[in-house]
Amino acid sequence: MKMQYVIRHYQPSDKELIVPLYRLVVKEQAYSAFRRVMRRPDYICVTLSVCVMGYILGGSSSACALLAGGAWAGLVYYCCRDVYRGYIRKNLSSGLADVPSFLRERPDAGFWLAEAELAGGLQIVGMVAVAGKSDGGGGGGGGGADGRDGGGATERRAELHYLIVAPWCRRTGLGSRLVQTVLHFCRERRFARVVLETTSAHTAAIALYRGMGFVHTLTHSSTASSRWVTGLSGVTALQLEHEL
């Protein structure tokens, strides 16, 4: 699919446009997580067991079997949705709530939007952000040519945030262009590596990152939801890194 788009810096007037797009894309992941976890062999076994139990307790009623299975599936979907709602709440109360502050308060930060002409007008169809973060302390000094801080400090890294591509603009190379924008920005500022976090349900994004040289370094299950909700959703968080 051929599509013409322009990647530009964030402007204050964009605030009301990026939030609906962010909500839309993150909510999509809840359904992706649900489909993914319900296909696991252990969840298939639980679903069948719940249906059999409903059938027996309902006096050999097929309706009760279906009702029990539906209740189980509904609980799993609720957990998946709650996990991603937690991500929405967290990000809309921090960086996305006030992008100018995000840029001002973080070292070497950038925020870009992709804009395309659709249906006779310009629309925001993607976004990405990055912010510098130094690991550890040590003496001062500017970044060296190898991407490390002077004065004994540990290497500088940048964190990629909010990579979003509108559903109607996928498979056009836009996601790669946005990530390349971040990598170019970070190389110019002598960062040693770029790190990011995504979730196990976002398989398309994971494939994109790996295809661009990111390496999976850590998996954890810490989310804004309670532990049992996260566990039942089957969602895990993945950290990936790209050395520059």
Protein backbone atom coordinates (compact mmCIF):
# COMPACT_ATOMS: atom_id res chain seq x y z
CA MET A 1 0.00 0.00 0.00
CA LYS A 2 1.41 3.36 -1.03
CA MET A 3 0.83 6.23 1.34
CA GLN A 4 2.37 9.67 1.54
CA TYR A 5 3.03 10.90 5.04
CA VAL A 6 5.22 13.46 6.77
CA ILE A 7 6.96 12.94 10.10
CA ARG A 8 7.16 16.18 12.06
CA HIS A 9 7.74 17.40 15.60
CA TYR A 10 4.88 17.64 18.07
CA GLN A 11 3.02 20.94 18.29
CA PRO A 12 0.86 22.09 21.25
CA SER A 13 -2.25 22.04 19.04
CA ASP A 14 -1.82 18.27 18.55
CA LYS A 15 -2.85 17.30 22.09
CA GLU A 16 -6.51 16.65 21.30
CA LEU A 17 -5.57 14.52 18.29
CA ILE A 18 -3.05 12.11 19.78
CA VAL A 19 -5.04 10.96 22.81
CA PRO A 20 -7.92 9.31 20.85
CA LEU A 21 -5.41 7.56 18.57
CA TYR A 22 -3.44 6.29 21.56
CA ARG A 23 -6.59 4.96 23.24
CA LEU A 24 -7.73 3.22 20.06
CA VAL A 25 -4.47 1.38 19.45
CA VAL A 26 -3.90 0.32 23.06
CA LYS A 27 -7.47 -0.96 23.43
CA GLU A 28 -6.87 -3.12 20.34
CA GLN A 29 -4.14 -4.92 22.24
CA ALA A 30 -6.61 -6.09 24.89
CA TYR A 31 -8.49 -8.14 22.31
CA SER A 32 -5.21 -9.41 20.83
CA ALA A 33 -4.10 -10.51 24.29
CA PHE A 34 -7.44 -12.27 24.85
CA ARG A 35 -7.24 -14.21 21.59
CA ARG A 36 -3.63 -15.12 22.27
CA VAL A 37 -4.15 -16.43 25.79
CA MET A 38 -7.34 -18.34 24.97
CA ARG A 39 -5.44 -20.32 22.33
CA ARG A 40 -2.93 -21.60 24.87
CA PRO A 41 -3.28 -25.35 25.57
CA ASP A 42 -3.76 -24.82 29.31
CA TYR A 43 -6.54 -22.27 28.72
CA ILE A 44 -8.24 -24.56 26.21
CA CYS A 45 -8.20 -27.31 28.86
CA VAL A 46 -9.63 -24.95 31.50
CA THR A 47 -12.35 -23.77 29.11
CA LEU A 48 -13.40 -27.35 28.34
CA SER A 49 -13.31 -28.27 32.02
CA VAL A 50 -15.49 -25.29 32.96
CA CYS A 51 -17.99 -26.21 30.22
CA VAL A 52 -18.13 -29.83 31.45
CA MET A 53 -18.62 -28.65 35.03
CA GLY A 54 -21.43 -26.35 33.94
CA TYR A 55 -23.02 -29.22 32.03
CA ILE A 56 -22.91 -31.53 35.04
CA LEU A 57 -24.02 -28.98 37.64
CA GLY A 58 -26.76 -27.79 35.32
CA GLY A 59 -28.31 -31.22 35.10
CA SER A 60 -26.88 -32.18 31.72
CA SER A 61 -27.85 -28.80 30.28
CA SER A 62 -25.98 -27.63 27.19
CA ALA A 63 -27.12 -24.08 27.95
CA CYS A 64 -25.45 -24.23 31.37
CA ALA A 65 -22.27 -25.56 29.76
CA LEU A 66 -22.20 -22.65 27.33
CA LEU A 67 -23.01 -20.18 30.09
CA ALA A 68 -20.16 -21.46 32.27
CA GLY A 69 -17.72 -21.33 29.37
CA GLY A 70 -18.88 -17.82 28.48
CA ALA A 71 -18.45 -16.65 32.07
CA TRP A 72 -14.88 -17.99 32.10
CA ALA A 73 -14.05 -16.32 28.79
CA GLY A 74 -15.62 -13.09 30.03
CA LEU A 75 -13.42 -13.13 33.12
CA VAL A 76 -10.28 -13.60 31.02
CA TYR A 77 -11.31 -10.79 28.67
CA TYR A 78 -11.99 -8.50 31.64
CA CYS A 79 -8.46 -9.16 32.90
CA CYS A 80 -6.91 -8.44 29.49
CA ARG A 81 -8.89 -5.22 29.18
CA ASP A 82 -7.99 -4.12 32.71
CA VAL A 83 -4.26 -4.56 32.06
CA TYR A 84 -4.36 -2.30 29.01
CA ARG A 85 -6.68 0.18 30.66
CA GLY A 86 -3.96 0.45 33.29
CA TYR A 87 -1.42 1.35 30.62
CA ILE A 88 -3.80 3.99 29.25
CA ARG A 89 -4.38 5.53 32.68
CA LYS A 90 -0.68 5.57 33.45
CA ASN A 91 0.43 7.19 30.21
CA LEU A 92 -2.43 9.66 29.98
CA SER A 93 -1.62 10.87 33.48
CA SER A 94 2.07 11.32 32.69
CA GLY A 95 3.82 11.98 29.38
CA LEU A 96 0.83 12.14 27.05
CA ALA A 97 -1.10 14.39 29.42
CA ASP A 98 1.45 17.16 29.01
CA VAL A 99 3.86 16.59 26.13
CA PRO A 100 5.57 20.02 26.51
CA SER A 101 6.51 19.07 30.08
CA PHE A 102 7.64 15.62 28.90
CA LEU A 103 10.02 17.34 26.47
CA ARG A 104 11.14 20.01 28.90
CA GLU A 105 11.80 17.84 31.95
CA ARG A 106 13.72 15.02 30.28
CA PRO A 107 17.22 15.22 28.80
CA ASP A 108 17.46 15.01 25.02
CA ALA A 109 13.77 14.23 24.52
CA GLY A 110 11.88 14.21 21.25
CA PHE A 111 8.28 13.65 20.18
CA TRP A 112 7.25 13.09 16.56
CA LEU A 113 3.95 12.67 14.76
CA ALA A 114 3.23 11.15 11.36
CA GLU A 115 0.72 13.09 9.32
CA ALA A 116 -1.02 11.91 6.15
CA GLU A 117 -3.68 13.31 3.86
CA LEU A 118 -6.74 11.09 4.13
CA ALA A 119 -10.36 11.75 3.15
CA GLY A 120 -9.45 15.18 1.87
CA GLY A 121 -7.69 16.38 5.03
CA LEU A 122 -4.58 15.92 7.15
CA GLN A 123 -4.78 13.27 9.86
CA ILE A 124 -2.39 12.14 12.59
CA VAL A 125 -1.68 8.48 11.78
CA GLY A 126 1.28 7.68 14.04
CA MET A 127 3.56 8.91 16.78
CA VAL A 128 6.68 8.06 18.75
CA ALA A 129 8.72 9.66 21.52
CA VAL A 130 12.12 9.24 23.10
CA ALA A 131 13.76 10.54 26.26
CA GLY A 132 17.30 10.29 27.53
CA LYS A 133 18.08 8.57 30.79
CA SER A 134 21.44 8.08 32.46
CA ASP A 135 22.03 4.86 34.41
CA GLY A 136 23.81 5.36 37.66
CA GLY A 137 25.81 8.25 38.98
CA GLY A 138 29.41 9.27 38.65
CA GLY A 139 31.19 12.45 37.77
CA GLY A 140 29.91 15.06 35.38
CA GLY A 141 31.03 15.82 31.90
CA GLY A 142 29.52 15.65 28.48
CA GLY A 143 28.96 12.56 26.44
CA GLY A 144 32.05 11.14 24.75
CA ALA A 145 32.36 10.03 21.16
CA ASP A 146 31.64 6.45 22.20
CA GLY A 147 28.28 7.41 23.70
CA ARG A 148 29.40 7.25 27.32
CA ASP A 149 29.42 10.03 29.88
CA GLY A 150 32.70 11.52 30.93
CA GLY A 151 33.96 11.55 34.49
CA GLY A 152 33.30 7.89 35.24
CA ALA A 153 29.53 7.86 34.74
CA THR A 154 27.88 4.83 33.22
CA GLU A 155 26.63 4.79 29.67
CA ARG A 156 23.80 7.01 28.58
CA ARG A 157 20.68 5.38 27.24
CA ALA A 158 17.49 6.60 25.64
CA GLU A 159 14.02 5.20 26.22
CA LEU A 160 11.57 4.87 23.33
CA HIS A 161 7.93 5.58 24.21
CA TYR A 162 4.47 5.65 22.62
CA LEU A 163 5.12 4.02 19.25
CA ILE A 164 1.65 4.11 17.72
CA VAL A 165 0.50 3.47 14.14
CA ALA A 166 -3.14 3.89 13.15
CA PRO A 167 -4.81 0.59 12.09
CA TRP A 168 -5.55 1.94 8.59
CA CYS A 169 -1.88 2.81 8.00
CA ARG A 170 -0.19 -0.44 8.95
CA ARG A 171 1.99 -2.42 6.55
CA THR A 172 3.06 0.81 4.89
CA GLY A 173 6.51 1.09 6.49
CA LEU A 174 5.38 3.88 8.81
CA GLY A 175 6.35 2.04 11.99
CA SER A 176 9.88 1.50 10.67
CA ARG A 177 10.14 5.16 9.68
CA LEU A 178 9.14 6.30 13.15
CA VAL A 179 11.66 3.99 14.84
CA GLN A 180 14.38 5.10 12.43
CA THR A 181 13.60 8.69 13.38
CA VAL A 182 14.26 7.84 17.02
CA LEU A 183 17.46 5.92 16.25
CA HIS A 184 18.83 8.79 14.13
CA PHE A 185 18.01 11.27 16.90
CA CYS A 186 19.78 9.10 19.50
CA ARG A 187 22.89 8.58 17.38
CA GLU A 188 23.21 12.34 16.91
CA ARG A 189 23.15 12.78 20.69
CA ARG A 190 25.71 10.04 21.34
CA PHE A 191 23.52 7.64 23.27
CA ALA A 192 24.98 4.18 23.73
CA ARG A 193 21.69 2.30 23.45
CA VAL A 194 17.95 2.65 23.04
CA VAL A 195 15.63 0.65 25.30
CA LEU A 196 11.89 0.14 25.17
CA GLU A 197 9.14 -1.87 26.78
CA THR A 198 6.21 -3.52 25.05
CA THR A 199 3.81 -6.36 25.85
CA SER A 200 3.68 -9.96 24.72
CA ALA A 201 0.37 -9.40 22.91
CA HIS A 202 1.87 -6.74 20.63
CA THR A 203 3.41 -9.33 18.31
CA ALA A 204 3.56 -7.06 15.25
CA ALA A 205 5.55 -4.45 17.15
CA ILE A 206 7.90 -7.08 18.57
CA ALA A 207 8.59 -8.39 15.07
CA LEU A 208 9.23 -4.83 13.87
CA TYR A 209 11.68 -4.10 16.68
CA ARG A 210 13.58 -7.35 16.20
CA GLY A 211 13.79 -6.75 12.47
CA MET A 212 15.42 -3.40 13.21
CA GLY A 213 18.08 -4.84 15.50
CA PHE A 214 16.47 -4.73 18.94
CA VAL A 215 17.26 -7.64 21.25
CA HIS A 216 14.97 -9.03 23.95
CA THR A 217 16.70 -8.57 27.32
CA LEU A 218 14.06 -8.93 30.03
CA THR A 219 10.56 -10.27 30.69
CA HIS A 220 8.44 -9.36 33.72
CA SER A 221 4.78 -9.35 34.75
CA SER A 222 4.59 -6.05 36.65
CA THR A 223 1.66 -3.92 35.41
CA ALA A 224 -0.71 -1.32 36.84
CA SER A 225 -3.27 -4.10 37.49
CA SER A 226 -3.30 -6.50 40.44
CA ARG A 227 -1.13 -9.58 40.22
CA TRP A 228 -4.00 -12.05 39.76
CA VAL A 229 -5.51 -9.96 36.95
CA THR A 230 -2.18 -9.74 35.14
CA GLY A 231 -1.57 -13.45 35.66
CA LEU A 232 -4.96 -14.48 34.31
CA SER A 233 -4.57 -12.18 31.29
CA GLY A 234 -1.38 -13.97 30.28
CA VAL A 235 0.18 -10.59 29.47
CA THR A 236 3.87 -10.09 30.15
CA ALA A 237 6.04 -7.04 29.57
CA LEU A 238 9.13 -7.36 27.39
CA GLN A 239 12.15 -5.09 27.44
CA LEU A 240 14.19 -4.75 24.25
CA GLU A 241 17.45 -2.91 23.57
CA HIS A 242 19.29 -1.62 20.55
CA GLU A 243 22.98 -0.79 20.77
CA LEU A 244 24.04 2.27 18.81
